[in-house]
Amino acid sequence: MTPPPDDIDVLDAYSRAVTGAVERAAPSVVNIEVHSLDAGPGGPRRGEGGGTGSGFLFTPDGLILTNSHVVHGARRIEVTVQDGRHLEASPVGDDPDTDLAVIRVSGEELHPIALGDSATLKPGQLVVAIGNPLGFQTTVTAGVVSALGRSLRSRTGRLMDNIIQTDAALNPGNSGGPLVNARGEVVGVNTAVILPAQGLCFAIPVNTARWVASRLLQHGRIRRGWLGLGGQTAQLHRRLVLHHQLPASSGMLVLHVEKKSPAERAGIREGDVIVAFAGEPVVGVDDLHRMLTDGRIGVEATLTVIRRAEKRELAVMPVEYTPAD
């Protein structure tokens, strides 16, 4: 049965939108192959392993955005651009907490992609994912923005906020590739798919990626505050909430305090429940993580805790977090 003329016009318009977006965006998409050393059991590093992923050029001088989990710990990174050239890449910066990384290649006739504005996205909007799933270079899938404002845990355990959910199909190897709008502008960095579910795919908003990339170019990493404590989200007794007029019924229960840390110097103890930081409510662990931005480093702030049913305010000064690796 032949579709009615109006339906054919709609399908043609959809096809033109997808093909136009791909024509503008695809020359910027790259295949990334990483070579890393594998650690032997209980011994030194030995052997060679690796993997593949995707990325995209976002400046004419060879800067590439991708996922941190694609390139983290790589000994050597090789990039294949759309015309088939193989280029050696060097790491610029890497942030596992947002699963974003920047690498650099040198070469002529590199085609950067335009970055859009993820704040303008709406559920139901057409989006196109381009990447190299399972080694199939420049694979295109199309779908819609399924939802906005999702939360997703990075591989470090930190919660990533404002994640884009899409049904544009992603597979292993799509990681780090662009999610683009109908104008061929990047609106997200493809990062994850939930298996075995179908159509549950996620991308980091390009506005987040733009901010992270600028910090990685400046410092090679994202500067974050550190207090030196560990804990978990815990519920507070209703009587405590009412008595102290707390804004929420939960907080962060402190389970561990590092020696000689800002938390120890501030007098925080195991068993305290943190309910506010710098005047902002702390409902759980993720809230405190979000608040420890680079602007908090070296700036004294008030940490409000519940200790044995009493509310106390402690002065604490976060220091810069230094990753173990």
C-alpha atoms as a PDB file:
ATOM      1  CA  MET A   1       0.000   0.000   0.000  1.00  0.00           C
ATOM      2  CA  THR A   2       1.380   3.404  -0.993  1.00  0.00           C
ATOM      3  CA  PRO A   3       1.365   6.005   1.822  1.00  0.00           C
ATOM      4  CA  PRO A   4      -0.834   9.071   1.254  1.00  0.00           C
ATOM      5  CA  PRO A   5       0.984  12.045  -0.341  1.00  0.00           C
ATOM      6  CA  ASP A   6       0.911  14.022   2.908  1.00  0.00           C
ATOM      7  CA  ASP A   7       2.632  11.159   4.735  1.00  0.00           C
ATOM      8  CA  ILE A   8       5.279  10.911   2.033  1.00  0.00           C
ATOM      9  CA  ASP A   9       5.990  14.642   2.410  1.00  0.00           C
ATOM     10  CA  VAL A  10       6.388  14.224   6.160  1.00  0.00           C
ATOM     11  CA  LEU A  11       8.737  11.252   5.743  1.00  0.00           C
ATOM     12  CA  ASP A  12      10.769  13.119   3.127  1.00  0.00           C
ATOM     13  CA  ALA A  13      11.104  16.096   5.467  1.00  0.00           C
ATOM     14  CA  TYR A  14      12.247  13.792   8.271  1.00  0.00           C
ATOM     15  CA  SER A  15      14.782  12.124   5.973  1.00  0.00           C
ATOM     16  CA  ARG A  16      16.112  15.485   4.820  1.00  0.00           C
ATOM     17  CA  ALA A  17      16.508  16.617   8.424  1.00  0.00           C
ATOM     18  CA  VAL A  18      18.502  13.502   9.369  1.00  0.00           C
ATOM     19  CA  THR A  19      20.675  13.416   6.252  1.00  0.00           C
ATOM     20  CA  GLY A  20      21.353  17.144   6.508  1.00  0.00           C
ATOM     21  CA  ALA A  21      22.438  16.817  10.127  1.00  0.00           C
ATOM     22  CA  VAL A  22      24.720  13.902   9.252  1.00  0.00           C
ATOM     23  CA  GLU A  23      26.296  15.731   6.300  1.00  0.00           C
ATOM     24  CA  ARG A  24      27.209  18.625   8.575  1.00  0.00           C
ATOM     25  CA  ALA A  25      28.347  16.607  11.586  1.00  0.00           C
ATOM     26  CA  ALA A  26      29.912  13.383  10.263  1.00  0.00           C
ATOM     27  CA  PRO A  27      33.212  14.907   8.973  1.00  0.00           C
ATOM     28  CA  SER A  28      34.032  15.862  12.581  1.00  0.00           C
ATOM     29  CA  VAL A  29      33.430  12.413  14.103  1.00  0.00           C
ATOM     30  CA  VAL A  30      36.507  10.284  14.790  1.00  0.00           C
ATOM     31  CA  ASN A  31      37.228   6.712  15.770  1.00  0.00           C
ATOM     32  CA  ILE A  32      39.452   6.365  18.837  1.00  0.00           C
ATOM     33  CA  GLU A  33      41.616   3.325  19.466  1.00  0.00           C
ATOM     34  CA  VAL A  34      43.416   3.115  22.786  1.00  0.00           C
ATOM     35  CA  HIS A  35      46.341   0.968  23.834  1.00  0.00           C
ATOM     36  CA  SER A  36      46.867   0.550  27.545  1.00  0.00           C
ATOM     37  CA  LEU A  37      48.922  -1.648  29.830  1.00  0.00           C
ATOM     38  CA  ASP A  38      47.054  -4.200  31.896  1.00  0.00           C
ATOM     39  CA  ALA A  39      47.987  -4.785  35.538  1.00  0.00           C
ATOM     40  CA  GLY A  40      48.984  -8.354  36.349  1.00  0.00           C
ATOM     41  CA  PRO A  41      47.430  -9.977  39.426  1.00  0.00           C
ATOM     42  CA  GLY A  42      49.361  -8.803  42.480  1.00  0.00           C
ATOM     43  CA  GLY A  43      52.280  -7.665  40.382  1.00  0.00           C
ATOM     44  CA  PRO A  44      53.576  -5.030  38.016  1.00  0.00           C
ATOM     45  CA  ARG A  45      51.825  -3.995  34.847  1.00  0.00           C
ATOM     46  CA  ARG A  46      52.228  -6.395  31.976  1.00  0.00           C
ATOM     47  CA  GLY A  47      50.807  -7.105  28.551  1.00  0.00           C
ATOM     48  CA  GLU A  48      48.835  -4.784  26.321  1.00  0.00           C
ATOM     49  CA  GLY A  49      45.097  -4.207  26.173  1.00  0.00           C
ATOM     50  CA  GLY A  50      42.905  -1.592  24.633  1.00  0.00           C
ATOM     51  CA  GLY A  51      39.563  -0.652  23.252  1.00  0.00           C
ATOM     52  CA  THR A  52      37.758   1.633  20.881  1.00  0.00           C
ATOM     53  CA  GLY A  53      35.352   4.509  21.136  1.00  0.00           C
ATOM     54  CA  SER A  54      34.224   7.659  19.414  1.00  0.00           C
ATOM     55  CA  GLY A  55      34.884  11.369  19.680  1.00  0.00           C
ATOM     56  CA  PHE A  56      34.475  14.576  17.734  1.00  0.00           C
ATOM     57  CA  LEU A  57      36.655  17.505  16.730  1.00  0.00           C
ATOM     58  CA  PHE A  58      35.431  20.763  18.242  1.00  0.00           C
ATOM     59  CA  THR A  59      38.271  23.142  17.282  1.00  0.00           C
ATOM     60  CA  PRO A  60      40.152  23.519  13.990  1.00  0.00           C
ATOM     61  CA  ASP A  61      43.501  22.924  15.725  1.00  0.00           C
ATOM     62  CA  GLY A  62      42.670  19.316  16.590  1.00  0.00           C
ATOM     63  CA  LEU A  63      40.967  19.269  19.995  1.00  0.00           C
ATOM     64  CA  ILE A  64      38.655  16.284  20.418  1.00  0.00           C
ATOM     65  CA  LEU A  65      35.959  15.658  23.029  1.00  0.00           C
ATOM     66  CA  THR A  66      35.247  12.093  24.120  1.00  0.00           C
ATOM     67  CA  ASN A  67      34.359  10.068  27.217  1.00  0.00           C
ATOM     68  CA  SER A  68      36.825   9.663  30.041  1.00  0.00           C
ATOM     69  CA  HIS A  69      36.176   5.921  30.155  1.00  0.00           C
ATOM     70  CA  VAL A  70      37.311   5.653  26.527  1.00  0.00           C
ATOM     71  CA  VAL A  71      40.800   7.114  27.048  1.00  0.00           C
ATOM     72  CA  HIS A  72      41.474   7.004  30.800  1.00  0.00           C
ATOM     73  CA  GLY A  73      44.799   5.303  31.531  1.00  0.00           C
ATOM     74  CA  ALA A  74      45.703   4.884  27.860  1.00  0.00           C
ATOM     75  CA  ARG A  75      49.388   4.457  27.025  1.00  0.00           C
ATOM     76  CA  ARG A  76      48.824   5.340  23.379  1.00  0.00           C
ATOM     77  CA  ILE A  77      45.823   6.848  21.588  1.00  0.00           C
ATOM     78  CA  GLU A  78      45.272   6.568  17.849  1.00  0.00           C
ATOM     79  CA  VAL A  79      42.553   8.549  16.078  1.00  0.00           C
ATOM     80  CA  THR A  80      41.082   7.790  12.662  1.00  0.00           C
ATOM     81  CA  VAL A  81      39.424  10.759  10.964  1.00  0.00           C
ATOM     82  CA  GLN A  82      36.703  10.375   8.373  1.00  0.00           C
ATOM     83  CA  ASP A  83      39.055  10.503   5.348  1.00  0.00           C
ATOM     84  CA  GLY A  84      40.901   7.458   6.699  1.00  0.00           C
ATOM     85  CA  ARG A  85      43.993   9.146   8.114  1.00  0.00           C
ATOM     86  CA  HIS A  86      45.442   7.675  11.319  1.00  0.00           C
ATOM     87  CA  LEU A  87      46.728  10.319  13.735  1.00  0.00           C
ATOM     88  CA  GLU A  88      48.484   9.939  17.068  1.00  0.00           C
ATOM     89  CA  ALA A  89      46.639  11.758  19.859  1.00  0.00           C
ATOM     90  CA  SER A  90      47.894  13.126  23.137  1.00  0.00           C
ATOM     91  CA  PRO A  91      45.778  13.567  26.287  1.00  0.00           C
ATOM     92  CA  VAL A  92      44.897  17.126  27.322  1.00  0.00           C
ATOM     93  CA  GLY A  93      42.694  16.432  30.330  1.00  0.00           C
ATOM     94  CA  ASP A  94      40.410  13.844  31.817  1.00  0.00           C
ATOM     95  CA  ASP A  95      37.549  13.991  34.330  1.00  0.00           C
ATOM     96  CA  PRO A  96      36.148  10.581  35.330  1.00  0.00           C
ATOM     97  CA  ASP A  97      33.520  12.213  37.569  1.00  0.00           C
ATOM     98  CA  THR A  98      31.730  13.677  34.527  1.00  0.00           C
ATOM     99  CA  ASP A  99      33.008  10.957  32.156  1.00  0.00           C
ATOM    100  CA  LEU A 100      34.522  13.560  29.826  1.00  0.00           C
ATOM    101  CA  ALA A 101      37.996  13.938  28.355  1.00  0.00           C
ATOM    102  CA  VAL A 102      39.828  16.113  25.838  1.00  0.00           C
ATOM    103  CA  ILE A 103      42.582  14.807  23.557  1.00  0.00           C
ATOM    104  CA  ARG A 104      44.525  16.542  20.778  1.00  0.00           C
ATOM    105  CA  VAL A 105      45.710  15.573  17.292  1.00  0.00           C
ATOM    106  CA  SER A 106      47.830  17.457  14.781  1.00  0.00           C
ATOM    107  CA  GLY A 107      46.995  17.491  11.097  1.00  0.00           C
ATOM    108  CA  GLU A 108      45.666  19.473   8.183  1.00  0.00           C
ATOM    109  CA  GLU A 109      42.067  19.816   6.995  1.00  0.00           C
ATOM    110  CA  LEU A 110      40.481  18.965  10.319  1.00  0.00           C
ATOM    111  CA  HIS A 111      36.769  19.719  10.403  1.00  0.00           C
ATOM    112  CA  PRO A 112      35.391  20.887  13.767  1.00  0.00           C
ATOM    113  CA  ILE A 113      31.731  20.496  14.593  1.00  0.00           C
ATOM    114  CA  ALA A 114      29.514  23.316  15.857  1.00  0.00           C
ATOM    115  CA  LEU A 115      28.462  23.141  19.513  1.00  0.00           C
ATOM    116  CA  GLY A 116      24.801  23.853  20.189  1.00  0.00           C
ATOM    117  CA  ASP A 117      22.903  24.754  23.357  1.00  0.00           C
ATOM    118  CA  SER A 118      21.558  21.815  25.343  1.00  0.00           C
ATOM    119  CA  ALA A 119      19.463  24.187  27.474  1.00  0.00           C
ATOM    120  CA  THR A 120      17.100  24.627  24.511  1.00  0.00           C
ATOM    121  CA  LEU A 121      16.347  20.902  24.139  1.00  0.00           C
ATOM    122  CA  LYS A 122      12.782  19.688  24.541  1.00  0.00           C
ATOM    123  CA  PRO A 123      11.375  16.162  25.014  1.00  0.00           C
ATOM    124  CA  GLY A 124      10.322  14.766  21.646  1.00  0.00           C
ATOM    125  CA  GLN A 125      12.925  16.773  19.712  1.00  0.00           C
ATOM    126  CA  LEU A 126      14.731  14.994  16.868  1.00  0.00           C
ATOM    127  CA  VAL A 127      18.326  13.990  17.661  1.00  0.00           C
ATOM    128  CA  VAL A 128      20.905  11.960  15.756  1.00  0.00           C
ATOM    129  CA  ALA A 129      23.752   9.905  17.236  1.00  0.00           C
ATOM    130  CA  ILE A 130      26.925   9.364  15.191  1.00  0.00           C
ATOM    131  CA  GLY A 131      29.713   7.045  16.256  1.00  0.00           C
ATOM    132  CA  ASN A 132      31.629   3.854  15.679  1.00  0.00           C
ATOM    133  CA  PRO A 133      29.747   1.050  17.454  1.00  0.00           C
ATOM    134  CA  LEU A 134      31.554  -2.285  17.442  1.00  0.00           C
ATOM    135  CA  GLY A 135      34.051  -0.867  14.921  1.00  0.00           C
ATOM    136  CA  PHE A 136      31.469   0.114  12.282  1.00  0.00           C
ATOM    137  CA  GLN A 137      32.710   3.574  11.429  1.00  0.00           C
ATOM    138  CA  THR A 138      30.358   6.579  11.158  1.00  0.00           C
ATOM    139  CA  THR A 139      27.196   4.720  12.079  1.00  0.00           C
ATOM    140  CA  VAL A 140      24.084   6.890  12.241  1.00  0.00           C
ATOM    141  CA  THR A 141      21.044   6.321  14.454  1.00  0.00           C
ATOM    142  CA  ALA A 142      18.137   8.711  14.879  1.00  0.00           C
ATOM    143  CA  GLY A 143      15.556   9.188  17.598  1.00  0.00           C
ATOM    144  CA  VAL A 144      14.138  11.769  19.936  1.00  0.00           C
ATOM    145  CA  VAL A 145      14.969  13.316  23.266  1.00  0.00           C
ATOM    146  CA  SER A 146      13.099  10.945  25.572  1.00  0.00           C
ATOM    147  CA  ALA A 147      13.564  12.998  28.737  1.00  0.00           C
ATOM    148  CA  LEU A 148      15.722  15.702  30.287  1.00  0.00           C
ATOM    149  CA  GLY A 149      17.187  16.146  33.757  1.00  0.00           C
ATOM    150  CA  ARG A 150      18.011  12.488  34.372  1.00  0.00           C
ATOM    151  CA  SER A 151      20.707  11.494  36.892  1.00  0.00           C
ATOM    152  CA  LEU A 152      23.334   8.858  36.161  1.00  0.00           C
ATOM    153  CA  ARG A 153      26.279   7.557  38.168  1.00  0.00           C
ATOM    154  CA  SER A 154      29.732   7.884  36.674  1.00  0.00           C
ATOM    155  CA  ARG A 155      32.207   5.042  37.014  1.00  0.00           C
ATOM    156  CA  THR A 156      33.704   6.819  40.041  1.00  0.00           C
ATOM    157  CA  GLY A 157      30.364   6.686  41.860  1.00  0.00           C
ATOM    158  CA  ARG A 158      29.704  10.421  41.648  1.00  0.00           C
ATOM    159  CA  LEU A 159      26.232  11.372  40.487  1.00  0.00           C
ATOM    160  CA  MET A 160      26.030  13.172  37.138  1.00  0.00           C
ATOM    161  CA  ASP A 161      23.031  15.491  36.903  1.00  0.00           C
ATOM    162  CA  ASN A 162      20.956  16.901  34.044  1.00  0.00           C
ATOM    163  CA  ILE A 163      21.657  13.933  31.750  1.00  0.00           C
ATOM    164  CA  ILE A 164      19.829  13.653  28.413  1.00  0.00           C
ATOM    165  CA  GLN A 165      17.839  10.463  27.805  1.00  0.00           C
ATOM    166  CA  THR A 166      17.344   9.467  24.173  1.00  0.00           C
ATOM    167  CA  ASP A 167      16.077   6.500  22.183  1.00  0.00           C
ATOM    168  CA  ALA A 168      18.674   7.029  19.424  1.00  0.00           C
ATOM    169  CA  ALA A 169      20.282   3.583  19.582  1.00  0.00           C
ATOM    170  CA  LEU A 170      23.758   3.369  21.133  1.00  0.00           C
ATOM    171  CA  ASN A 171      26.100   0.386  21.311  1.00  0.00           C
ATOM    172  CA  PRO A 172      29.629  -0.241  22.623  1.00  0.00           C
ATOM    173  CA  GLY A 173      31.900   2.025  20.615  1.00  0.00           C
ATOM    174  CA  ASN A 174      29.380   4.879  20.445  1.00  0.00           C
ATOM    175  CA  SER A 175      30.797   6.245  23.695  1.00  0.00           C
ATOM    176  CA  GLY A 176      32.183   9.741  23.240  1.00  0.00           C
ATOM    177  CA  GLY A 177      30.437  10.405  19.948  1.00  0.00           C
ATOM    178  CA  PRO A 178      28.144  13.366  19.375  1.00  0.00           C
ATOM    179  CA  LEU A 179      24.404  13.580  19.784  1.00  0.00           C
ATOM    180  CA  VAL A 180      23.354  16.286  17.327  1.00  0.00           C
ATOM    181  CA  ASN A 181      20.204  18.240  16.560  1.00  0.00           C
ATOM    182  CA  ALA A 182      18.605  18.745  13.140  1.00  0.00           C
ATOM    183  CA  ARG A 183      21.073  21.568  12.403  1.00  0.00           C
ATOM    184  CA  GLY A 184      24.023  19.240  12.926  1.00  0.00           C
ATOM    185  CA  GLU A 185      25.059  20.963  16.162  1.00  0.00           C
ATOM    186  CA  VAL A 186      26.282  18.910  19.107  1.00  0.00           C
ATOM    187  CA  VAL A 187      23.775  18.892  21.956  1.00  0.00           C
ATOM    188  CA  GLY A 188      25.225  15.961  23.908  1.00  0.00           C
ATOM    189  CA  VAL A 189      28.124  13.544  24.307  1.00  0.00           C
ATOM    190  CA  ASN A 190      26.884   9.933  24.118  1.00  0.00           C
ATOM    191  CA  THR A 191      27.975   8.083  27.215  1.00  0.00           C
ATOM    192  CA  ALA A 192      25.849   5.126  28.307  1.00  0.00           C
ATOM    193  CA  VAL A 193      23.197   2.592  27.474  1.00  0.00           C
ATOM    194  CA  ILE A 194      21.247   0.498  29.974  1.00  0.00           C
ATOM    195  CA  LEU A 195      21.279  -3.190  29.056  1.00  0.00           C
ATOM    196  CA  PRO A 196      19.304  -5.353  28.459  1.00  0.00           C
ATOM    197  CA  ALA A 197      16.698  -2.613  28.078  1.00  0.00           C
ATOM    198  CA  GLN A 198      16.184  -1.162  24.603  1.00  0.00           C
ATOM    199  CA  GLY A 199      15.937   2.526  23.836  1.00  0.00           C
ATOM    200  CA  LEU A 200      17.388   3.678  27.174  1.00  0.00           C
ATOM    201  CA  CYS A 201      20.445   5.667  26.127  1.00  0.00           C
ATOM    202  CA  PHE A 202      22.076   8.675  27.726  1.00  0.00           C
ATOM    203  CA  ALA A 203      24.214  11.653  26.775  1.00  0.00           C
ATOM    204  CA  ILE A 204      26.028  14.347  28.736  1.00  0.00           C
ATOM    205  CA  PRO A 205      24.665  17.821  27.846  1.00  0.00           C
ATOM    206  CA  VAL A 206      26.979  19.816  25.598  1.00  0.00           C
ATOM    207  CA  ASN A 207      26.756  22.787  27.974  1.00  0.00           C
ATOM    208  CA  THR A 208      28.330  20.604  30.666  1.00  0.00           C
ATOM    209  CA  ALA A 209      30.921  19.342  28.176  1.00  0.00           C
ATOM    210  CA  ARG A 210      31.781  22.898  27.115  1.00  0.00           C
ATOM    211  CA  TRP A 211      32.390  23.922  30.753  1.00  0.00           C
ATOM    212  CA  VAL A 212      34.428  20.801  31.544  1.00  0.00           C
ATOM    213  CA  ALA A 213      36.514  21.156  28.378  1.00  0.00           C
ATOM    214  CA  SER A 214      37.433  24.746  29.229  1.00  0.00           C
ATOM    215  CA  ARG A 215      38.650  23.674  32.696  1.00  0.00           C
ATOM    216  CA  LEU A 216      40.557  20.708  31.280  1.00  0.00           C
ATOM    217  CA  LEU A 217      42.327  23.023  28.834  1.00  0.00           C
ATOM    218  CA  GLN A 218      43.303  25.298  31.735  1.00  0.00           C
ATOM    219  CA  HIS A 219      44.285  22.746  34.367  1.00  0.00           C
ATOM    220  CA  GLY A 220      44.241  19.299  32.765  1.00  0.00           C
ATOM    221  CA  ARG A 221      41.623  18.260  35.325  1.00  0.00           C
ATOM    222  CA  ILE A 222      38.594  19.579  37.198  1.00  0.00           C
ATOM    223  CA  ARG A 223      39.434  21.182  40.527  1.00  0.00           C
ATOM    224  CA  ARG A 224      37.080  20.082  43.303  1.00  0.00           C
ATOM    225  CA  GLY A 225      36.924  20.658  47.016  1.00  0.00           C
ATOM    226  CA  TRP A 226      37.701  17.862  49.503  1.00  0.00           C
ATOM    227  CA  LEU A 227      36.761  17.476  53.153  1.00  0.00           C
ATOM    228  CA  GLY A 228      38.165  14.020  53.863  1.00  0.00           C
ATOM    229  CA  LEU A 229      35.115  12.157  55.054  1.00  0.00           C
ATOM    230  CA  GLY A 230      32.955   9.297  53.895  1.00  0.00           C
ATOM    231  CA  GLY A 231      29.368   8.452  54.598  1.00  0.00           C
ATOM    232  CA  GLN A 232      25.955   7.549  53.357  1.00  0.00           C
ATOM    233  CA  THR A 233      22.514   9.092  53.100  1.00  0.00           C
ATOM    234  CA  ALA A 234      20.521   8.526  56.285  1.00  0.00           C
ATOM    235  CA  GLN A 235      17.012   9.330  57.487  1.00  0.00           C
ATOM    236  CA  LEU A 236      16.525  11.572  60.524  1.00  0.00           C
ATOM    237  CA  HIS A 237      13.960  10.988  63.220  1.00  0.00           C
ATOM    238  CA  ARG A 238      10.829  13.051  62.663  1.00  0.00           C
ATOM    239  CA  ARG A 239      11.141  14.622  66.122  1.00  0.00           C
ATOM    240  CA  LEU A 240      14.658  15.869  65.309  1.00  0.00           C
ATOM    241  CA  VAL A 241      13.469  17.347  62.037  1.00  0.00           C
ATOM    242  CA  LEU A 242      10.632  19.220  63.746  1.00  0.00           C
ATOM    243  CA  HIS A 243      12.682  20.290  66.784  1.00  0.00           C
ATOM    244  CA  HIS A 244      15.524  21.773  64.726  1.00  0.00           C
ATOM    245  CA  GLN A 245      13.209  22.959  61.917  1.00  0.00           C
ATOM    246  CA  LEU A 246      15.290  21.158  59.311  1.00  0.00           C
ATOM    247  CA  PRO A 247      14.347  21.579  55.629  1.00  0.00           C
ATOM    248  CA  ALA A 248      14.615  17.827  54.897  1.00  0.00           C
ATOM    249  CA  SER A 249      14.181  14.543  56.708  1.00  0.00           C
ATOM    250  CA  SER A 250      17.544  13.126  55.695  1.00  0.00           C
ATOM    251  CA  GLY A 251      21.228  14.043  55.689  1.00  0.00           C
ATOM    252  CA  MET A 252      24.676  12.546  55.262  1.00  0.00           C
ATOM    253  CA  LEU A 253      25.709  10.160  58.035  1.00  0.00           C
ATOM    254  CA  VAL A 254      29.491  10.393  58.568  1.00  0.00           C
ATOM    255  CA  LEU A 255      31.035   6.911  58.680  1.00  0.00           C
ATOM    256  CA  HIS A 256      34.700   7.793  58.289  1.00  0.00           C
ATOM    257  CA  VAL A 257      36.932  10.828  58.843  1.00  0.00           C
ATOM    258  CA  GLU A 258      40.411  10.946  57.303  1.00  0.00           C
ATOM    259  CA  LYS A 259      43.346  11.739  59.558  1.00  0.00           C
ATOM    260  CA  LYS A 260      44.703  15.293  59.216  1.00  0.00           C
ATOM    261  CA  SER A 261      41.849  16.190  56.867  1.00  0.00           C
ATOM    262  CA  PRO A 262      39.774  19.390  56.830  1.00  0.00           C
ATOM    263  CA  ALA A 263      36.926  17.382  58.359  1.00  0.00           C
ATOM    264  CA  GLU A 264      39.070  16.231  61.288  1.00  0.00           C
ATOM    265  CA  ARG A 265      40.424  19.744  61.851  1.00  0.00           C
ATOM    266  CA  ALA A 266      36.848  21.060  61.890  1.00  0.00           C
ATOM    267  CA  GLY A 267      35.918  18.585  64.626  1.00  0.00           C
ATOM    268  CA  ILE A 268      33.603  16.383  62.583  1.00  0.00           C
ATOM    269  CA  ARG A 269      33.130  12.957  64.150  1.00  0.00           C
ATOM    270  CA  GLU A 270      31.915   9.599  62.989  1.00  0.00           C
ATOM    271  CA  GLY A 271      28.195   9.365  63.676  1.00  0.00           C
ATOM    272  CA  ASP A 272      27.513  13.038  62.913  1.00  0.00           C
ATOM    273  CA  VAL A 273      24.751  13.687  60.392  1.00  0.00           C
ATOM    274  CA  ILE A 274      25.539  16.583  58.046  1.00  0.00           C
ATOM    275  CA  VAL A 275      22.356  18.525  57.251  1.00  0.00           C
ATOM    276  CA  ALA A 276      23.734  21.735  55.692  1.00  0.00           C
ATOM    277  CA  PHE A 277      26.865  23.149  54.083  1.00  0.00           C
ATOM    278  CA  ALA A 278      27.398  26.898  53.661  1.00  0.00           C
ATOM    279  CA  GLY A 279      23.730  27.437  54.452  1.00  0.00           C
ATOM    280  CA  GLU A 280      22.499  25.017  51.776  1.00  0.00           C
ATOM    281  CA  PRO A 281      20.575  21.862  52.800  1.00  0.00           C
ATOM    282  CA  VAL A 282      22.426  18.550  52.508  1.00  0.00           C
ATOM    283  CA  VAL A 283      19.867  15.818  51.890  1.00  0.00           C
ATOM    284  CA  GLY A 284      22.482  13.137  51.171  1.00  0.00           C
ATOM    285  CA  VAL A 285      25.955  12.301  49.924  1.00  0.00           C
ATOM    286  CA  ASP A 286      25.338  13.563  46.385  1.00  0.00           C
ATOM    287  CA  ASP A 287      24.308  17.012  47.623  1.00  0.00           C
ATOM    288  CA  LEU A 288      27.608  17.497  49.433  1.00  0.00           C
ATOM    289  CA  HIS A 289      29.544  16.292  46.374  1.00  0.00           C
ATOM    290  CA  ARG A 290      27.743  18.845  44.204  1.00  0.00           C
ATOM    291  CA  MET A 291      28.569  21.673  46.590  1.00  0.00           C
ATOM    292  CA  LEU A 292      32.305  21.017  46.741  1.00  0.00           C
ATOM    293  CA  THR A 293      33.128  23.032  43.632  1.00  0.00           C
ATOM    294  CA  ASP A 294      36.449  24.702  42.841  1.00  0.00           C
ATOM    295  CA  GLY A 295      35.061  27.974  44.233  1.00  0.00           C
ATOM    296  CA  ARG A 296      34.872  26.366  47.688  1.00  0.00           C
ATOM    297  CA  ILE A 297      38.583  25.488  47.804  1.00  0.00           C
ATOM    298  CA  GLY A 298      40.336  27.463  50.547  1.00  0.00           C
ATOM    299  CA  VAL A 299      37.120  29.249  51.579  1.00  0.00           C
ATOM    300  CA  GLU A 300      35.852  28.689  55.100  1.00  0.00           C
ATOM    301  CA  ALA A 301      32.237  27.572  55.319  1.00  0.00           C
ATOM    302  CA  THR A 302      29.821  26.423  57.992  1.00  0.00           C
ATOM    303  CA  LEU A 303      28.971  22.731  58.200  1.00  0.00           C
ATOM    304  CA  THR A 304      25.776  22.052  60.156  1.00  0.00           C
ATOM    305  CA  VAL A 305      25.590  18.630  61.825  1.00  0.00           C
ATOM    306  CA  ILE A 306      23.266  16.756  64.144  1.00  0.00           C
ATOM    307  CA  ARG A 307      25.255  15.118  66.947  1.00  0.00           C
ATOM    308  CA  ARG A 308      23.395  13.119  69.586  1.00  0.00           C
ATOM    309  CA  ALA A 309      20.186  15.024  68.889  1.00  0.00           C
ATOM    310  CA  GLU A 310      21.957  18.399  69.149  1.00  0.00           C
ATOM    311  CA  LYS A 311      22.525  20.755  66.228  1.00  0.00           C
ATOM    312  CA  ARG A 312      26.066  22.081  65.900  1.00  0.00           C
ATOM    313  CA  GLU A 313      27.756  24.406  63.456  1.00  0.00           C
ATOM    314  CA  LEU A 314      31.395  23.726  62.600  1.00  0.00           C
ATOM    315  CA  ALA A 315      33.770  25.871  60.557  1.00  0.00           C
ATOM    316  CA  VAL A 316      35.458  23.874  57.778  1.00  0.00           C
ATOM    317  CA  MET A 317      37.793  24.851  54.941  1.00  0.00           C
ATOM    318  CA  PRO A 318      37.820  22.469  51.935  1.00  0.00           C
ATOM    319  CA  VAL A 319      41.137  21.819  50.209  1.00  0.00           C
ATOM    320  CA  GLU A 320      41.723  20.773  46.617  1.00  0.00           C
ATOM    321  CA  TYR A 321      41.005  17.148  45.882  1.00  0.00           C
ATOM    322  CA  THR A 322      43.969  15.217  44.529  1.00  0.00           C
ATOM    323  CA  PRO A 323      43.106  11.876  42.835  1.00  0.00           C
ATOM    324  CA  ALA A 324      45.046   8.852  44.018  1.00  0.00           C
ATOM    325  CA  ASP A 325      45.977   7.965  40.437  1.00  0.00           C
END
